[in-house]
Amino acid sequence: MRESTFTAKIHELLPKHVHAWKISDRFHAGVPDAWYSGPTGDVWIEYKFYQTLPNRFTPKLSPAQKRWLRDRYHEGRRVLVIVGDQKHAVILENLDWEHPVTPTQRLTHKETAAWIATSLTTSVE
């Protein structure tokens, strides 16, 4: 599995009422991998993939990605980094991606998609 396959897997598991946009922007450095919207808001997400999630890690973000995410966060936008492996994912909020992380909760891919959907709507179908 690669990062693109991991991202596609999460997208497949999202309910139909969540609008998902897989972004591929070669002209603006740092733009996250995906944007999602639902009735209660939207969120920008950068995905990172490991073959096996380490017990402790700092997501490998480029300087442009860090800057883009940090700038949008300080503007009040919802931005996340989701780090995953073959079976699980860790959702990083509130600039948590800027320092080493020891995950306390690993979600399945299905749980990750449900978490995204729930954060964008009052009900998950």
Foldseek 3Di string as FASTA:
>chain_A
DAQVVLVVLLVVLADPQKDKDQDDDPPQPQQAGIKIAHDAGIEGEHEAEDQDDDQKDQGDDDPSNLVVQVVCVVVVGHYWYWYYHPFWIDIDGDSNNVDMDRDPDTHGSNVVSVVNNVVRDVDGD
